[in-house]
PDB file of N, CA and C in Angstrom:
ATOM      1  N   UNK A   1     176.443 333.204 250.446  1.00  0.00           N
ATOM      2  CA  UNK A   1     176.652 332.492 249.186  1.00  0.00           C
ATOM      3  C   UNK A   1     177.910 333.025 248.502  1.00  0.00           C
ATOM      4  N   UNK A   2     178.812 332.139 248.187  1.00  0.00           N
ATOM      5  CA  UNK A   2     180.011 332.530 247.466  1.00  0.00           C
ATOM      6  C   UNK A   2     179.667 332.654 245.993  1.00  0.00           C
ATOM      7  N   UNK A   3     180.025 333.777 245.410  1.00  0.00           N
ATOM      8  CA  UNK A   3     179.740 334.001 243.996  1.00  0.00           C
ATOM      9  C   UNK A   3     180.808 333.328 243.144  1.00  0.00           C
ATOM     10  N   UNK A   4     180.359 332.506 242.215  1.00  0.00           N
ATOM     11  CA  UNK A   4     181.242 331.905 241.222  1.00  0.00           C
ATOM     12  C   UNK A   4     180.671 332.324 239.875  1.00  0.00           C
ATOM     13  N   UNK A   5     181.177 333.434 239.375  1.00  0.00           N
ATOM     14  CA  UNK A   5     180.614 334.040 238.187  1.00  0.00           C
ATOM     15  C   UNK A   5     180.729 333.150 236.948  1.00  0.00           C
ATOM     16  N   UNK A   6     179.690 333.202 236.130  1.00  0.00           N
ATOM     17  CA  UNK A   6     179.712 332.576 234.806  1.00  0.00           C
ATOM     18  C   UNK A   6     180.810 333.266 234.002  1.00  0.00           C
ATOM     19  N   UNK A   7     181.479 332.514 233.170  1.00  0.00           N
ATOM     20  CA  UNK A   7     182.565 333.092 232.365  1.00  0.00           C
ATOM     21  C   UNK A   7     182.058 334.156 231.392  1.00  0.00           C
ATOM     22  N   UNK A   8     180.763 334.172 231.124  1.00  0.00           N
ATOM     23  CA  UNK A   8     180.182 335.145 230.188  1.00  0.00           C
ATOM     24  C   UNK A   8     179.564 336.347 230.892  1.00  0.00           C
ATOM     25  N   UNK A   9     179.629 336.395 232.219  1.00  0.00           N
ATOM     26  CA  UNK A   9     179.028 337.496 232.977  1.00  0.00           C
ATOM     27  C   UNK A   9     180.007 338.666 233.040  1.00  0.00           C
ATOM     28  N   UNK A  10     179.916 339.540 232.039  1.00  0.00           N
ATOM     29  CA  UNK A  10     180.781 340.715 231.962  1.00  0.00           C
ATOM     30  C   UNK A  10     179.986 341.855 231.340  1.00  0.00           C
ATOM     31  N   UNK A  11     180.653 342.895 230.930  1.00  0.00           N
ATOM     32  CA  UNK A  11     179.960 344.076 230.385  1.00  0.00           C
ATOM     33  C   UNK A  11     179.183 343.781 229.111  1.00  0.00           C
ATOM     34  N   UNK A  12     179.484 342.691 228.418  1.00  0.00           N
ATOM     35  CA  UNK A  12     178.740 342.339 227.206  1.00  0.00           C
ATOM     36  C   UNK A  12     177.509 341.494 227.513  1.00  0.00           C
ATOM     37  N   UNK A  13     177.366 341.066 228.752  1.00  0.00           N
ATOM     38  CA  UNK A  13     176.257 340.199 229.154  1.00  0.00           C
ATOM     39  C   UNK A  13     174.941 340.966 229.258  1.00  0.00           C
ATOM     40  N   UNK A  14     173.937 340.487 228.522  1.00  0.00           N
ATOM     41  CA  UNK A  14     172.611 341.109 228.591  1.00  0.00           C
ATOM     42  C   UNK A  14     172.039 341.018 230.002  1.00  0.00           C
ATOM     43  N   UNK A  15     172.305 339.920 230.699  1.00  0.00           N
ATOM     44  CA  UNK A  15     171.780 339.756 232.054  1.00  0.00           C
ATOM     45  C   UNK A  15     172.473 340.710 233.029  1.00  0.00           C
ATOM     46  N   UNK A  16     173.758 340.922 232.879  1.00  0.00           N
ATOM     47  CA  UNK A  16     174.470 341.874 233.739  1.00  0.00           C
ATOM     48  C   UNK A  16     173.948 343.282 233.490  1.00  0.00           C
ATOM     49  N   UNK A  17     173.798 343.660 232.236  1.00  0.00           N
ATOM     50  CA  UNK A  17     173.286 345.001 231.924  1.00  0.00           C
ATOM     51  C   UNK A  17     171.883 345.193 232.490  1.00  0.00           C
ATOM     52  N   UNK A  18     171.019 344.196 232.313  1.00  0.00           N
ATOM     53  CA  UNK A  18     169.638 344.294 232.809  1.00  0.00           C
ATOM     54  C   UNK A  18     169.614 344.378 234.335  1.00  0.00           C
ATOM     55  N   UNK A  19     170.438 343.579 234.993  1.00  0.00           N
ATOM     56  CA  UNK A  19     170.480 343.607 236.456  1.00  0.00           C
ATOM     57  C   UNK A  19     171.027 344.945 236.957  1.00  0.00           C
ATOM     58  N   UNK A  20     172.106 345.408 236.348  1.00  0.00           N
ATOM     59  CA  UNK A  20     172.707 346.675 236.762  1.00  0.00           C
ATOM     60  C   UNK A  20     171.743 347.848 236.597  1.00  0.00           C
ATOM     61  N   UNK A  21     170.832 347.757 235.622  1.00  0.00           N
ATOM     62  CA  UNK A  21     169.827 348.810 235.392  1.00  0.00           C
ATOM     63  C   UNK A  21     168.581 348.605 236.245  1.00  0.00           C
ATOM     64  N   UNK A  22     168.524 347.511 237.005  1.00  0.00           N
ATOM     65  CA  UNK A  22     167.365 347.247 237.848  1.00  0.00           C
ATOM     66  C   UNK A  22     166.170 346.684 237.098  1.00  0.00           C
ATOM     67  N   UNK A  23     166.399 346.115 235.914  1.00  0.00           N
ATOM     68  CA  UNK A  23     165.301 345.607 235.089  1.00  0.00           C
ATOM     69  C   UNK A  23     164.913 344.163 235.395  1.00  0.00           C
ATOM     70  N   UNK A  24     165.824 343.417 236.025  1.00  0.00           N
ATOM     71  CA  UNK A  24     165.507 342.036 236.400  1.00  0.00           C
ATOM     72  C   UNK A  24     165.811 341.833 237.879  1.00  0.00           C
ATOM     73  N   UNK A  25     165.128 340.887 238.458  1.00  0.00           N
ATOM     74  CA  UNK A  25     165.287 340.573 239.870  1.00  0.00           C
ATOM     75  C   UNK A  25     166.646 339.927 240.137  1.00  0.00           C
ATOM     76  N   UNK A  26     167.149 340.150 241.324  1.00  0.00           N
ATOM     77  CA  UNK A  26     168.450 339.606 241.737  1.00  0.00           C
ATOM     78  C   UNK A  26     168.499 338.078 241.635  1.00  0.00           C
ATOM     79  N   UNK A  27     167.339 337.415 241.768  1.00  0.00           N
ATOM     80  CA  UNK A  27     167.318 335.946 241.725  1.00  0.00           C
ATOM     81  C   UNK A  27     167.908 335.401 240.427  1.00  0.00           C
ATOM     82  N   UNK A  28     167.759 336.140 239.324  1.00  0.00           N
ATOM     83  CA  UNK A  28     168.272 335.658 238.044  1.00  0.00           C
ATOM     84  C   UNK A  28     169.786 335.576 238.049  1.00  0.00           C
ATOM     85  N   UNK A  29     170.430 336.614 238.533  1.00  0.00           N
ATOM     86  CA  UNK A  29     171.893 336.593 238.550  1.00  0.00           C
ATOM     87  C   UNK A  29     172.422 335.687 239.654  1.00  0.00           C
ATOM     88  N   UNK A  30     171.724 335.652 240.794  1.00  0.00           N
ATOM     89  CA  UNK A  30     172.154 334.761 241.884  1.00  0.00           C
ATOM     90  C   UNK A  30     172.086 333.294 241.474  1.00  0.00           C
ATOM     91  N   UNK A  31     170.983 332.901 240.859  1.00  0.00           N
ATOM     92  CA  UNK A  31     170.761 331.489 240.542  1.00  0.00           C
ATOM     93  C   UNK A  31     171.495 331.010 239.296  1.00  0.00           C
ATOM     94  N   UNK A  32     171.865 331.912 238.433  1.00  0.00           N
ATOM     95  CA  UNK A  32     172.513 331.509 237.179  1.00  0.00           C
ATOM     96  C   UNK A  32     173.892 332.153 237.015  1.00  0.00           C
ATOM     97  N   UNK A  33     173.922 333.465 236.865  1.00  0.00           N
ATOM     98  CA  UNK A  33     175.172 334.175 236.550  1.00  0.00           C
ATOM     99  C   UNK A  33     176.204 334.095 237.669  1.00  0.00           C
ATOM    100  N   UNK A  34     175.745 334.106 238.921  1.00  0.00           N
ATOM    101  CA  UNK A  34     176.664 334.046 240.055  1.00  0.00           C
ATOM    102  C   UNK A  34     176.828 332.611 240.541  1.00  0.00           C
ATOM    103  N   UNK A  35     176.350 331.665 239.768  1.00  0.00           N
ATOM    104  CA  UNK A  35     176.425 330.239 240.109  1.00  0.00           C
ATOM    105  C   UNK A  35     177.097 329.492 238.947  1.00  0.00           C
ATOM    106  N   UNK A  36     178.134 330.093 238.403  1.00  0.00           N
ATOM    107  CA  UNK A  36     178.916 329.520 237.302  1.00  0.00           C
ATOM    108  C   UNK A  36     178.113 329.259 236.035  1.00  0.00           C
ATOM    109  N   UNK A  37     176.928 329.862 235.926  1.00  0.00           N
ATOM    110  CA  UNK A  37     176.101 329.661 234.744  1.00  0.00           C
ATOM    111  C   UNK A  37     175.409 328.310 234.717  1.00  0.00           C
ATOM    112  N   UNK A  38     175.363 327.620 235.862  1.00  0.00           N
ATOM    113  CA  UNK A  38     174.730 326.293 235.917  1.00  0.00           C
ATOM    114  C   UNK A  38     173.267 326.376 235.504  1.00  0.00           C
ATOM    115  N   UNK A  39     172.855 325.465 234.645  1.00  0.00           N
ATOM    116  CA  UNK A  39     171.479 325.347 234.155  1.00  0.00           C
ATOM    117  C   UNK A  39     171.005 326.544 233.336  1.00  0.00           C
ATOM    118  N   UNK A  40     171.912 327.390 232.901  1.00  0.00           N
ATOM    119  CA  UNK A  40     171.534 328.559 232.117  1.00  0.00           C
ATOM    120  C   UNK A  40     171.345 328.173 230.643  1.00  0.00           C
ATOM    121  N   UNK A  41     170.141 328.381 230.161  1.00  0.00           N
ATOM    122  CA  UNK A  41     169.807 328.069 228.772  1.00  0.00           C
ATOM    123  C   UNK A  41     170.593 328.969 227.818  1.00  0.00           C
ATOM    124  N   UNK A  42     170.732 330.240 228.168  1.00  0.00           N
ATOM    125  CA  UNK A  42     171.483 331.187 227.330  1.00  0.00           C
ATOM    126  C   UNK A  42     172.916 330.697 227.129  1.00  0.00           C
ATOM    127  N   UNK A  43     173.568 330.313 228.219  1.00  0.00           N
ATOM    128  CA  UNK A  43     174.959 329.838 228.169  1.00  0.00           C
ATOM    129  C   UNK A  43     175.067 328.557 227.352  1.00  0.00           C
ATOM    130  N   UNK A  44     174.154 327.636 227.610  1.00  0.00           N
ATOM    131  CA  UNK A  44     174.166 326.338 226.921  1.00  0.00           C
ATOM    132  C   UNK A  44     174.028 326.517 225.404  1.00  0.00           C
ATOM    133  N   UNK A  45     173.058 327.337 224.990  1.00  0.00           N
ATOM    134  CA  UNK A  45     172.844 327.549 223.556  1.00  0.00           C
ATOM    135  C   UNK A  45     174.056 328.200 222.902  1.00  0.00           C
ATOM    136  N   UNK A  46     174.677 329.139 223.613  1.00  0.00           N
ATOM    137  CA  UNK A  46     175.835 329.819 223.041  1.00  0.00           C
ATOM    138  C   UNK A  46     177.022 328.858 222.912  1.00  0.00           C
ATOM    139  N   UNK A  47     177.299 328.113 223.979  1.00  0.00           N
ATOM    140  CA  UNK A  47     178.464 327.233 223.966  1.00  0.00           C
ATOM    141  C   UNK A  47     178.288 326.017 223.063  1.00  0.00           C
ATOM    142  N   UNK A  48     177.069 325.509 222.955  1.00  0.00           N
ATOM    143  CA  UNK A  48     176.842 324.298 222.160  1.00  0.00           C
ATOM    144  C   UNK A  48     176.471 324.595 220.708  1.00  0.00           C
ATOM    145  N   UNK A  49     175.798 325.721 220.466  1.00  0.00           N
ATOM    146  CA  UNK A  49     175.286 326.007 219.128  1.00  0.00           C
ATOM    147  C   UNK A  49     175.828 327.309 218.538  1.00  0.00           C
ATOM    148  N   UNK A  50     176.520 328.101 219.353  1.00  0.00           N
ATOM    149  CA  UNK A  50     176.992 329.399 218.884  1.00  0.00           C
ATOM    150  C   UNK A  50     175.866 330.409 218.753  1.00  0.00           C
ATOM    151  N   UNK A  51     174.710 330.107 219.358  1.00  0.00           N
ATOM    152  CA  UNK A  51     173.522 330.955 219.262  1.00  0.00           C
ATOM    153  C   UNK A  51     173.535 331.999 220.368  1.00  0.00           C
ATOM    154  N   UNK A  52     173.481 333.263 219.985  1.00  0.00           N
ATOM    155  CA  UNK A  52     173.418 334.344 220.960  1.00  0.00           C
ATOM    156  C   UNK A  52     171.946 334.667 221.190  1.00  0.00           C
ATOM    157  N   UNK A  53     171.481 334.431 222.404  1.00  0.00           N
ATOM    158  CA  UNK A  53     170.080 334.682 222.740  1.00  0.00           C
ATOM    159  C   UNK A  53     169.787 336.180 222.735  1.00  0.00           C
ATOM    160  N   UNK A  54     168.576 336.557 222.295  1.00  0.00           N
ATOM    161  CA  UNK A  54     168.183 337.971 222.370  1.00  0.00           C
ATOM    162  C   UNK A  54     168.212 338.441 223.829  1.00  0.00           C
ATOM    163  N   UNK A  55     168.389 339.731 224.029  1.00  0.00           N
ATOM    164  CA  UNK A  55     168.507 340.293 225.379  1.00  0.00           C
ATOM    165  C   UNK A  55     167.292 340.028 226.263  1.00  0.00           C
ATOM    166  N   UNK A  56     166.133 339.786 225.665  1.00  0.00           N
ATOM    167  CA  UNK A  56     164.911 339.582 226.455  1.00  0.00           C
ATOM    168  C   UNK A  56     164.702 338.122 226.892  1.00  0.00           C
ATOM    169  N   UNK A  57     165.626 337.246 226.561  1.00  0.00           N
ATOM    170  CA  UNK A  57     165.538 335.855 227.002  1.00  0.00           C
ATOM    171  C   UNK A  57     166.268 335.709 228.333  1.00  0.00           C
ATOM    172  N   UNK A  58     165.546 335.204 229.326  1.00  0.00           N
ATOM    173  CA  UNK A  58     166.114 335.017 230.659  1.00  0.00           C
ATOM    174  C   UNK A  58     166.910 333.709 230.725  1.00  0.00           C
ATOM    175  N   UNK A  59     167.702 333.525 231.766  1.00  0.00           N
ATOM    176  CA  UNK A  59     168.536 332.326 231.868  1.00  0.00           C
ATOM    177  C   UNK A  59     167.781 331.000 231.818  1.00  0.00           C
ATOM    178  N   UNK A  60     166.500 330.993 232.190  1.00  0.00           N
ATOM    179  CA  UNK A  60     165.731 329.744 232.144  1.00  0.00           C
ATOM    180  C   UNK A  60     165.072 329.521 230.778  1.00  0.00           C
ATOM    181  N   UNK A  61     165.318 330.447 229.843  1.00  0.00           N
ATOM    182  CA  UNK A  61     164.760 330.312 228.499  1.00  0.00           C
ATOM    183  C   UNK A  61     163.452 331.052 228.293  1.00  0.00           C
ATOM    184  N   UNK A  62     162.883 331.590 229.367  1.00  0.00           N
ATOM    185  CA  UNK A  62     161.625 332.327 229.226  1.00  0.00           C
ATOM    186  C   UNK A  62     161.908 333.745 228.730  1.00  0.00           C
ATOM    187  N   UNK A  63     160.839 334.410 228.257  1.00  0.00           N
ATOM    188  CA  UNK A  63     160.960 335.774 227.748  1.00  0.00           C
ATOM    189  C   UNK A  63     160.496 336.777 228.797  1.00  0.00           C
ATOM    190  N   UNK A  64     161.150 337.920 228.807  1.00  0.00           N
ATOM    191  CA  UNK A  64     160.717 339.026 229.656  1.00  0.00           C
ATOM    192  C   UNK A  64     160.468 340.216 228.731  1.00  0.00           C
ATOM    193  N   UNK A  65     159.204 340.515 228.488  1.00  0.00           N
ATOM    194  CA  UNK A  65     158.845 341.537 227.490  1.00  0.00           C
ATOM    195  C   UNK A  65     159.374 342.925 227.864  1.00  0.00           C
ATOM    196  N   UNK A  66     159.593 343.196 229.138  1.00  0.00           N
ATOM    197  CA  UNK A  66     160.088 344.535 229.495  1.00  0.00           C
ATOM    198  C   UNK A  66     161.552 344.728 229.091  1.00  0.00           C
ATOM    199  N   UNK A  67     162.235 343.654 228.700  1.00  0.00           N
ATOM    200  CA  UNK A  67     163.620 343.764 228.241  1.00  0.00           C
ATOM    201  C   UNK A  67     163.713 343.992 226.738  1.00  0.00           C
ATOM    202  N   UNK A  68     162.572 343.912 226.043  1.00  0.00           N
ATOM    203  CA  UNK A  68     162.573 344.110 224.579  1.00  0.00           C
ATOM    204  C   UNK A  68     162.803 345.559 224.226  1.00  0.00           C
TER     205      UNK A  68
END
């Protein structure tokens, strides 16, 4: 799979930090962050509404309590 990183996947990204610390499964970054941010609720809300999702919100919009 060729990685096409989301433009927001950098050191400020909650998902990058969580993945780098081993707190979330690789599927999250593979399916969203390394796929140009396609279908990512976090990205959509930020770009369309200026809303920064809390760190515990996953790319599909669900919550992960261990990230709180």
